[in-house]
Protein backbone atom coordinates (compact mmCIF):
# COMPACT_ATOMS: atom_id res chain seq x y z
CA MET A 1 -0.06 0.11 -0.12
CA ASN A 2 1.06 3.42 -1.45
CA SER A 3 1.59 5.75 1.77
CA ARG A 4 1.03 8.66 0.51
CA VAL A 5 -2.83 10.15 0.94
CA PHE A 6 -5.02 10.67 -1.52
CA LEU A 7 -8.75 12.57 -1.37
CA ILE A 8 -11.22 10.37 -3.21
CA PRO A 9 -13.75 12.38 -5.05
CA ALA A 10 -16.80 13.41 -3.68
CA PHE A 11 -18.87 12.04 -6.53
CA VAL A 12 -20.47 9.41 -4.36
CA VAL A 13 -24.22 10.73 -2.49
CA CYS A 14 -24.52 11.26 1.02
CA LEU A 15 -27.80 9.82 2.22
CA VAL A 16 -29.15 10.56 5.61
CA LEU A 17 -31.77 8.07 7.40
CA THR A 18 -33.99 10.16 9.25
CA ALA A 19 -35.78 7.39 10.22
CA VAL A 20 -32.77 6.11 12.27
CA GLY A 21 -30.02 9.06 12.33
CA ILE A 22 -27.80 6.98 10.47
CA LEU A 23 -25.44 8.61 7.93
CA LEU A 24 -24.75 6.28 4.84
CA LEU A 25 -21.32 7.58 3.75
CA GLN A 26 -18.27 5.01 2.07
CA ARG A 27 -14.79 6.12 1.97
CA PHE A 28 -12.05 3.83 0.27
CA ASP A 29 -8.34 3.99 0.89
CA PRO A 30 -6.81 4.17 -2.20
CA GLU A 31 -2.94 3.32 -3.63
CA GLY A 32 -0.89 3.83 -6.12
CA SER A 33 1.23 1.09 -8.06
CA ALA A 34 4.64 1.26 -10.76
CA VAL A 35 4.81 -0.91 -13.83
CA SER A 36 7.92 -2.56 -15.59
CA GLY A 37 8.24 -5.02 -18.52
CA THR A 38 9.72 -7.99 -20.16
CA GLY A 39 8.72 -8.64 -23.65
CA LYS A 40 9.25 -12.54 -22.92
CA ALA A 41 6.12 -15.11 -23.92
CA VAL A 42 3.44 -15.54 -21.74
CA GLN A 43 3.87 -19.38 -20.69
CA SER A 44 0.73 -20.74 -18.49
CA ASP A 45 1.14 -21.78 -15.22
CA LEU A 46 -2.76 -22.49 -14.51
CA PRO A 47 -5.18 -24.62 -16.14
CA ALA A 48 -7.13 -23.14 -19.09
CA GLY A 49 -9.91 -20.69 -18.33
CA GLU A 50 -9.04 -20.08 -14.51
CA SER A 51 -8.13 -16.75 -13.30
CA ARG A 52 -5.02 -15.04 -12.19
CA VAL A 53 -5.93 -11.99 -11.75
CA PRO A 54 -6.62 -10.99 -7.82
CA GLU A 55 -9.97 -9.38 -6.79
CA ARG A 56 -9.95 -5.34 -7.25
CA GLU A 57 -8.15 -4.03 -3.66
CA SER A 58 -8.85 -0.64 -4.32
CA VAL A 59 -10.13 2.17 -5.58
CA PRO A 60 -8.59 4.53 -8.08
CA ALA A 61 -7.15 8.00 -6.34
CA TYR A 62 -7.77 11.06 -8.40
CA GLU A 63 -9.88 15.10 -8.31
CA PRO A 64 -11.90 15.92 -10.99
CA GLU A 65 -10.10 18.84 -11.59
CA MET A 66 -6.96 16.93 -11.43
CA ALA A 67 -8.75 14.06 -14.26
CA ALA A 68 -10.02 16.82 -16.60
CA GLU A 69 -6.58 18.57 -16.17
CA ALA A 70 -4.54 15.17 -18.16
CA ALA A 71 -7.09 14.90 -19.89
CA GLU A 72 -6.77 18.33 -21.99
CA THR A 73 -2.88 17.64 -21.62
CA GLU A 74 -2.80 14.10 -22.92
CA VAL A 75 -0.90 13.27 -25.99
CA GLU A 76 -2.74 11.02 -28.45
CA THR A 77 -0.75 8.17 -28.05
CA PRO A 78 -0.63 6.49 -31.92
CA GLU A 79 -2.02 3.03 -32.16
CA PRO A 80 0.63 0.86 -33.44
CA GLU A 81 0.14 -1.59 -36.44
CA SER A 82 1.70 -4.74 -35.46
CA ALA A 83 3.52 -6.44 -32.78
CA SER A 84 6.54 -5.28 -33.14
CA GLU A 85 5.75 -1.53 -33.17
CA LEU A 86 4.13 -2.01 -29.55
CA THR A 87 6.27 -1.11 -26.69
CA LEU A 88 5.78 -1.65 -23.19
CA GLU A 89 6.04 2.20 -22.86
CA ASN A 90 3.23 2.96 -25.33
CA LEU A 91 0.80 0.66 -23.71
CA ARG A 92 1.93 2.18 -20.46
CA LYS A 93 0.68 5.56 -21.47
CA LYS A 94 -2.13 4.27 -22.67
CA LEU A 95 -3.64 2.16 -19.22
CA VAL A 96 -1.66 4.16 -16.41
CA ARG A 97 -4.31 6.88 -16.60
CA VAL A 98 -6.15 9.22 -13.76
CA GLY A 99 -8.49 7.26 -12.29
CA ALA A 100 -8.33 3.98 -14.05
CA TRP A 101 -8.46 0.75 -12.42
CA GLU A 102 -5.39 -0.86 -12.32
CA ASN A 103 -4.11 -3.67 -14.40
CA GLU A 104 -7.47 -3.90 -16.65
CA ALA A 105 -7.71 -2.97 -20.11
CA LEU A 106 -10.66 -2.53 -22.30
CA LEU A 107 -9.89 -4.14 -26.17
CA SER A 108 -11.91 -3.38 -29.55
CA PHE A 109 -10.66 -6.01 -32.16
CA ALA A 110 -11.08 -5.29 -36.16
CA ASP A 111 -12.91 -8.79 -36.37
CA ALA A 112 -15.02 -11.21 -34.60
CA LYS A 113 -12.11 -14.03 -35.61
CA SER A 114 -9.58 -11.80 -34.12
CA LEU A 115 -11.51 -11.20 -31.13
CA ALA A 116 -12.10 -15.32 -30.69
CA ASP A 117 -8.66 -16.04 -31.04
CA PHE A 118 -7.43 -13.59 -28.54
CA ILE A 119 -9.84 -14.40 -25.98
CA ALA A 120 -9.16 -18.73 -25.91
CA LEU A 121 -5.46 -17.88 -25.82
CA ALA A 122 -6.13 -15.47 -23.02
CA LYS A 123 -7.75 -17.25 -21.12
CA SER A 124 -5.78 -20.17 -21.50
CA LEU A 125 -3.48 -17.93 -19.82
CA GLY A 126 -5.17 -16.99 -16.80
CA ILE A 127 -6.44 -13.98 -17.56
CA GLU A 128 -10.48 -12.35 -16.90
CA ILE A 129 -12.05 -11.73 -19.60
CA SER A 130 -15.58 -10.26 -20.05
CA GLY A 131 -17.39 -9.27 -23.05
CA PRO A 132 -18.23 -9.09 -25.58
CA PHE A 133 -21.42 -7.35 -25.76
CA GLY A 134 -24.19 -6.82 -28.73
CA ASP A 135 -22.39 -5.38 -32.06
CA ALA A 136 -19.24 -4.20 -30.24
CA LEU A 137 -16.28 -6.13 -31.01
CA THR A 138 -14.91 -5.24 -27.24
CA ILE A 139 -13.69 -6.72 -23.90
CA ARG A 140 -12.59 -6.32 -20.57
CA ALA A 141 -9.13 -7.82 -19.95
CA ARG A 142 -8.57 -8.06 -16.10
CA PHE A 143 -4.28 -9.21 -15.87
CA ASP A 144 -1.98 -9.46 -12.89
CA SER A 145 0.20 -7.08 -14.40
CA LEU A 146 1.15 -5.15 -17.37
CA GLU A 147 3.87 -7.84 -18.42
CA THR A 148 1.16 -9.84 -18.71
CA LEU A 149 -0.19 -7.73 -21.23
CA TYR A 150 2.29 -6.90 -23.04
CA ASP A 151 3.98 -10.20 -23.58
CA LEU A 152 0.55 -11.65 -24.50
CA LEU A 153 -0.01 -8.83 -27.02
CA LYS A 154 3.59 -9.04 -28.20
CA SER A 155 3.34 -12.74 -28.68
CA SER A 156 0.14 -13.76 -29.89
CA GLY A 157 0.28 -13.91 -33.61
CA LEU A 158 -3.39 -12.15 -33.83
CA GLY A 159 -3.87 -8.34 -35.03
CA LEU A 160 -3.11 -5.59 -32.47
CA PRO A 161 -6.62 -4.20 -30.99
CA PHE A 162 -7.41 -0.91 -30.03
CA VAL A 163 -6.46 -0.24 -26.26
CA ASP A 164 -8.43 1.74 -24.14
CA PRO A 165 -8.46 2.18 -19.71
CA ASN A 166 -11.12 1.28 -17.62
CA PHE A 167 -11.91 3.54 -16.15
CA PHE A 168 -13.42 4.00 -12.45
CA VAL A 169 -17.35 4.98 -12.54
CA THR A 170 -19.16 5.39 -8.97
CA ILE A 171 -22.26 6.17 -7.53
CA PRO A 172 -21.90 10.11 -6.95
CA ARG A 173 -20.48 10.90 -3.24
CA ILE A 174 -21.22 14.48 -1.06
CA THR A 175 -19.09 15.27 1.92
CA PRO A 176 -22.34 15.98 4.94
CA PRO A 177 -21.67 19.64 4.97
CA GLU A 178 -20.79 21.67 8.26
CA GLU A 179 -23.81 23.25 9.33
CA ALA A 180 -27.41 22.21 9.04
CA ALA A 181 -28.25 25.61 6.69
CA GLY A 182 -26.55 28.21 4.77
CA GLU A 183 -25.67 28.75 0.74
CA GLY A 184 -26.87 26.14 -0.70
CA LYS A 185 -27.63 23.91 1.66
CA ALA A 186 -32.22 24.29 2.27
CA PRO A 187 -33.59 21.22 2.52
CA PHE A 188 -36.82 20.30 -0.07
CA ASP A 189 -38.53 17.96 2.04
CA ASP A 190 -41.92 17.61 2.05
CA MET A 191 -42.19 21.14 -0.78
CA LEU A 192 -40.69 19.41 -3.17
CA PHE A 193 -43.27 18.63 -5.71
CA LYS A 194 -44.64 22.18 -4.92
CA SER A 195 -41.28 24.20 -5.96
CA LEU A 196 -41.80 21.19 -9.24
CA GLY A 197 -45.43 23.37 -10.15
CA ILE A 198 -46.94 19.75 -8.53
CA PRO A 199 -50.32 20.63 -6.98
CA ASP A 200 -51.47 18.66 -3.76
CA ASP A 201 -54.40 17.02 -4.73
CA ALA A 202 -52.77 15.73 -8.63
CA ASP A 203 -53.50 12.30 -9.07
CA ARG A 204 -50.54 10.92 -10.40
CA SER A 205 -50.98 7.53 -10.37
CA ALA A 206 -50.92 7.80 -14.35
CA TRP A 207 -48.26 9.59 -14.75
CA GLY A 208 -45.44 8.00 -16.58
CA THR A 209 -48.00 5.04 -18.47
CA GLY A 210 -46.95 3.63 -21.33
CA VAL A 211 -43.04 4.78 -21.26
CA THR A 212 -39.94 2.50 -20.09
CA VAL A 213 -37.15 4.06 -17.98
CA ALA A 214 -34.30 1.88 -17.79
CA VAL A 215 -32.56 2.64 -14.50
CA ILE A 216 -28.49 2.11 -15.32
CA ASP A 217 -27.55 2.18 -11.04
CA SER A 218 -26.60 -0.70 -8.33
CA GLY A 219 -29.62 -2.17 -8.70
CA ILE A 220 -33.68 -1.60 -7.42
CA SER A 221 -34.76 -3.89 -4.17
CA ASP A 222 -37.86 -4.64 -4.24
CA HIS A 223 -39.87 -2.39 -2.00
CA PRO A 224 -43.39 -1.65 -1.26
CA THR A 225 -42.57 2.10 -3.23
CA PHE A 226 -43.06 0.33 -6.63
CA ARG A 227 -46.46 -1.42 -8.26
CA GLU A 228 -46.30 -5.36 -8.48
CA GLY A 229 -44.74 -5.96 -12.00
CA GLN A 230 -43.45 -2.95 -12.60
CA VAL A 231 -39.46 -3.51 -12.22
CA THR A 232 -38.18 -5.50 -14.32
CA ARG A 233 -34.28 -6.46 -13.27
CA ILE A 234 -31.49 -7.42 -15.38
CA ASP A 235 -28.07 -7.72 -13.11
CA LEU A 236 -24.74 -7.13 -14.68
CA VAL A 237 -22.64 -7.78 -11.76
CA GLY A 238 -23.55 -11.22 -10.14
CA GLU A 239 -22.89 -10.77 -7.05
CA ASP A 240 -24.22 -12.64 -4.48
CA VAL A 241 -25.04 -9.97 -1.85
CA PRO A 242 -27.61 -7.15 -0.63
CA LEU A 243 -27.91 -3.99 -3.28
CA HIS A 244 -26.49 -0.63 -2.79
CA GLY A 245 -29.93 1.20 -1.96
CA HIS A 246 -28.66 4.27 -4.15
CA GLY A 247 -30.65 2.43 -7.05
CA THR A 248 -33.64 1.83 -5.03
CA ALA A 249 -33.83 6.01 -4.15
CA MET A 250 -33.30 7.07 -7.98
CA ALA A 251 -35.88 4.44 -9.39
CA SER A 252 -38.37 5.68 -6.30
CA LEU A 253 -37.80 9.74 -6.95
CA ILE A 254 -38.51 8.58 -11.25
CA ALA A 255 -41.61 6.19 -10.51
CA GLY A 256 -42.56 4.92 -7.14
CA ARG A 257 -44.91 6.58 -4.77
CA GLU A 258 -42.68 9.34 -3.80
CA GLY A 259 -41.81 9.97 -7.69
CA ILE A 260 -42.67 11.78 -10.33
CA ALA A 261 -43.73 9.10 -12.56
CA PRO A 262 -45.80 6.00 -10.83
CA GLY A 263 -47.00 4.69 -14.26
CA ALA A 264 -44.12 4.05 -15.95
CA LYS A 265 -42.21 1.15 -16.32
CA LEU A 266 -38.71 0.01 -14.81
CA VAL A 267 -35.97 -1.61 -16.16
CA ASP A 268 -33.40 -2.06 -13.17
CA ILE A 269 -30.25 -2.32 -15.39
CA ARG A 270 -27.52 -2.79 -12.43
CA ILE A 271 -23.96 -2.16 -12.94
CA ALA A 272 -22.58 -1.12 -9.49
CA GLY A 273 -22.12 -3.41 -6.93
CA GLU A 274 -22.40 -3.72 -3.09
CA ASN A 275 -19.93 -0.58 -2.46
CA GLY A 276 -21.50 1.31 -5.48
CA LEU A 277 -18.30 1.09 -7.96
CA SER A 278 -18.17 0.04 -11.31
CA ASP A 279 -16.19 0.98 -14.59
CA SER A 280 -16.94 1.22 -18.26
CA PHE A 281 -17.44 -1.55 -19.49
CA LEU A 282 -20.55 -2.25 -17.69
CA LEU A 283 -21.88 1.32 -18.04
CA ALA A 284 -21.98 0.87 -21.93
CA GLN A 285 -22.79 -2.78 -21.59
CA GLY A 286 -25.95 -0.84 -19.31
CA LEU A 287 -26.32 1.40 -22.51
CA GLN A 288 -26.42 -1.84 -24.88
CA THR A 289 -28.79 -3.89 -22.45
CA ALA A 290 -31.10 -0.20 -22.07
CA ILE A 291 -31.31 -0.58 -25.88
CA ASP A 292 -31.88 -4.14 -26.17
CA ARG A 293 -35.17 -3.60 -23.83
CA GLY A 294 -36.74 -1.12 -25.63
CA ALA A 295 -36.08 1.70 -23.23
CA ASP A 296 -37.22 5.80 -23.98
CA VAL A 297 -35.26 7.13 -20.99
CA VAL A 298 -32.31 5.95 -19.71
CA ASN A 299 -31.82 7.46 -15.61
CA ILE A 300 -27.69 7.24 -14.59
CA SER A 301 -27.24 8.81 -11.67
CA LEU A 302 -23.22 7.73 -12.16
CA GLY A 303 -20.03 9.33 -13.09
CA THR A 304 -16.62 9.38 -13.64
CA TYR A 305 -14.14 11.77 -15.01
CA GLY A 306 -12.41 9.38 -17.21
CA ASN A 307 -14.14 9.03 -21.33
CA ALA A 308 -14.28 5.54 -22.49
CA PRO A 309 -14.22 5.96 -26.62
CA LEU A 310 -16.62 2.43 -25.94
CA VAL A 311 -19.24 4.69 -23.51
CA GLN A 312 -19.19 7.54 -26.01
CA THR A 313 -19.87 4.61 -28.99
CA LEU A 314 -22.99 3.37 -26.78
CA VAL A 315 -24.23 6.43 -25.76
CA ALA A 316 -24.53 7.80 -29.55
CA GLU A 317 -26.16 4.84 -30.87
CA ALA A 318 -28.43 4.91 -28.14
CA GLN A 319 -29.14 8.58 -29.10
CA LYS A 320 -29.65 7.17 -32.59
CA LYS A 321 -32.26 4.97 -31.52
CA GLY A 322 -34.34 8.12 -30.00
CA LEU A 323 -33.26 7.39 -25.67
CA LEU A 324 -33.68 10.00 -23.88
CA ILE A 325 -30.26 9.54 -21.45
CA VAL A 326 -29.99 11.91 -18.35
CA ALA A 327 -27.61 11.89 -16.10
CA PRO A 328 -26.18 14.48 -13.17
CA VAL A 329 -22.93 17.22 -13.53
CA GLY A 330 -21.13 15.63 -9.99
CA ASN A 331 -20.53 17.12 -6.50
CA GLU A 332 -17.45 18.21 -6.32
CA ASN A 333 -18.89 21.52 -6.40
CA VAL A 334 -16.78 22.08 -9.37
CA GLU A 335 -17.20 24.03 -13.02
CA LEU A 336 -16.74 20.77 -14.37
CA LYS A 337 -19.43 17.53 -16.16
CA ALA A 338 -18.59 14.64 -15.00
CA TRP A 339 -18.90 12.00 -17.54
CA PRO A 340 -21.57 10.47 -19.05
CA ALA A 341 -22.98 14.43 -18.47
CA ALA A 342 -20.61 15.46 -20.51
CA TYR A 343 -21.14 13.48 -23.77
CA PRO A 344 -23.34 15.59 -26.55
CA GLY A 345 -27.16 15.46 -26.18
CA VAL A 346 -27.59 14.14 -22.72
CA ILE A 347 -29.51 15.67 -20.66
CA SER A 348 -26.95 16.72 -18.34
CA VAL A 349 -28.52 18.39 -14.37
CA SER A 350 -26.85 20.22 -11.84
CA GLY A 351 -28.52 20.74 -8.10
CA VAL A 352 -30.25 23.04 -6.26
CA ASP A 353 -31.39 23.64 -2.81
CA ALA A 354 -35.37 25.42 -1.92
CA ASN A 355 -33.67 28.52 -2.32
CA ASP A 356 -32.66 27.94 -5.49
CA GLN A 357 -29.19 27.75 -4.60
CA ILE A 358 -26.40 25.95 -6.08
CA ALA A 359 -26.36 23.11 -3.64
CA TYR A 360 -23.00 23.37 -1.96
CA PHE A 361 -21.66 20.38 -3.42
CA SER A 362 -22.77 20.22 -7.50
CA ASN A 363 -20.56 20.87 -10.25
CA THR A 364 -21.90 22.87 -12.89
CA GLY A 365 -19.96 23.80 -16.02
CA GLY A 366 -23.20 24.61 -18.26
CA PRO A 367 -26.07 21.75 -17.96
CA THR A 368 -29.10 21.55 -19.34
CA LEU A 369 -31.24 22.51 -16.57
CA ALA A 370 -31.46 22.19 -13.14
CA ALA A 371 -33.29 20.51 -10.69
CA PRO A 372 -34.16 19.82 -6.75
CA ALA A 373 -30.92 18.15 -4.90
CA VAL A 374 -31.68 19.27 -1.30
CA GLY A 375 -33.29 17.57 1.53
CA ILE A 376 -35.20 14.90 -1.03
CA ILE A 377 -37.39 12.20 0.39
CA SER A 378 -37.06 8.93 -1.52
CA ALA A 379 -37.48 5.23 -0.91
CA TYR A 380 -34.47 2.86 0.45
CA TYR A 381 -33.50 -0.33 1.68
CA ALA A 382 -30.96 -1.02 4.18
CA GLU A 383 -30.38 -3.38 6.21
CA GLN A 384 -33.84 -5.44 5.34
CA LYS A 385 -35.55 -2.98 5.54
CA ALA A 386 -37.73 -0.52 3.59
CA LEU A 387 -37.34 3.00 4.50
CA LEU A 388 -38.08 6.70 3.46
CA ILE A 389 -34.97 8.38 3.71
CA HIS A 390 -33.74 12.13 2.78
CA GLY A 391 -31.27 12.91 0.63
CA ASN A 392 -29.15 15.31 -1.24
CA GLY A 393 -27.46 14.90 -4.75
CA THR A 394 -27.02 15.59 -8.23
CA SER A 395 -28.71 12.21 -8.41
CA GLN A 396 -31.83 12.76 -7.17
CA ALA A 397 -31.72 15.96 -9.19
CA ALA A 398 -31.25 13.78 -12.56
CA ALA A 399 -33.70 10.98 -11.40
CA LEU A 400 -36.48 13.82 -10.96
CA VAL A 401 -35.88 14.92 -14.23
CA SER A 402 -36.00 11.46 -15.86
CA GLY A 403 -39.15 10.67 -13.64
CA SER A 404 -40.44 14.42 -15.77
CA MET A 405 -39.23 13.34 -18.74
CA ALA A 406 -41.03 10.17 -18.33
CA LEU A 407 -44.20 12.27 -17.84
CA MET A 408 -43.63 14.79 -21.35
CA LYS A 409 -43.16 11.75 -23.10
CA SER A 410 -46.54 10.34 -21.93
CA ARG A 411 -48.05 13.12 -23.04
CA GLY A 412 -47.09 13.02 -26.75
CA LEU A 413 -44.60 16.25 -25.63
CA ASN A 414 -40.39 16.46 -26.84
CA PRO A 415 -39.51 16.05 -23.60
CA THR A 416 -36.41 17.78 -23.65
CA ARG A 417 -37.98 21.33 -25.76
CA ALA A 418 -41.32 21.06 -22.23
CA LEU A 419 -38.76 21.11 -20.10
CA THR A 420 -36.13 23.80 -20.94
CA SER A 421 -38.49 25.76 -22.29
CA ASN A 422 -41.16 25.43 -19.20
CA ALA A 423 -38.04 25.78 -16.48
CA ARG A 424 -38.17 28.59 -14.19
CA TYR A 425 -35.48 31.29 -14.59
CA VAL A 426 -33.09 31.54 -12.03
CA ARG A 427 -30.57 34.93 -11.92
CA GLY A 428 -27.29 33.20 -11.89
CA GLY A 429 -26.53 32.16 -15.14
CA LYS A 430 -26.50 29.37 -18.08
CA VAL A 431 -23.12 27.90 -16.70
CA ASN A 432 -24.67 27.17 -13.22
CA TYR A 433 -28.45 26.65 -14.08
CA GLY A 434 -28.71 25.55 -17.72
CA ALA A 435 -32.24 26.58 -19.00
CA GLY A 436 -33.02 26.95 -15.55
CA VAL A 437 -34.24 24.87 -12.63
CA LEU A 438 -37.03 22.18 -13.00
CA HIS A 439 -41.18 23.51 -13.13
CA LEU A 440 -43.53 21.06 -15.14
CA PRO A 441 -46.17 23.07 -17.76
CA VAL A 442 -49.09 23.45 -16.36
CA SER A 443 -51.05 21.80 -18.98
CA VAL A 444 -49.37 18.98 -18.20
CA THR A 445 -50.02 18.92 -13.94
CA ARG A 446 -53.82 19.90 -13.88
């Protein structure tokens, strides 16, 4: 373990269980590493298909601004055209990146045969392979050291794939404020719907009917906030462990009894494990699943500061098929949008408090619009108990926008146009609020 102390990005929601007074806040201790290589051919000492790769032991350490600076100053490394041109330094520059999982890579091949041949060889050498999925000829490889991958690529006799890092993706985290009140900290509590223009006597039970919302997150628990048969569950993680409650909270704001569009159907696409962590590969696979399942709206209340080409490709593919993708800008209080919110065409959402101040944790950087993010009541599931909690975060803001998108679509409106044109103007500029603060059209709510 490297003794140097790093500050993990605040990109994770802090959820306060008001019923029991528990603050849910995960902390991680990252480590660094150095790499070197030999260039020798790899010899297998494991039975075919058995992995030599240890489990992930630490979270990549980085600050969002450091990640952005690294991306801006990065010099594009040319792809070698043959194994003879590949060097360990070239591979190191590709994969040892700010915010990337150590000893992991996304490998994209030119044709299916090269892909299949590589997978067979890699598995025989104990390299863990995930994928491919859909039409993508991309796999995730996990290996015990950079030298292992380098030696395999040099000696395989196959065409070289395109090599990209596999970035750290997580549910957004925040640090609790030092004081209960102040600028950007006023909670919405039970005034949330009023702030959105929803009358107290509005019957929302059918809002969103006929619309399917995919929730790419940490999984949706069996909670009484959801109707019987409302949720279709798809687990891309495969961990036989309790779900992190974040996905349940987001889904409830979208289409639970506490949400905007209870009539909508939900496709639960779990890509984050019990600790709320995921990666670029699973995010891309989640998008492909949303496409395959015919989603109309996709809520991704997750974030990263690493731009993965595979994710960008799937975002563009989803948009081409008409899917509306909503994502939070992040919780680091910087003028910078996290990915996937930063991709063109994604509805990016910043957070505000009950006084229309930018939430004390919210990123900015020119979102599509802003939405409530402080003191938001949602469902939650923890310790085998169905709960209601107060939560803070741009994740909540994005979920409220996704529910509103579902409502607009169910009424035959263009969701993006309807929400941006009806957003409440707030003095403070587009860099903070985008089109304004979320507010539903009167014609829809009455």
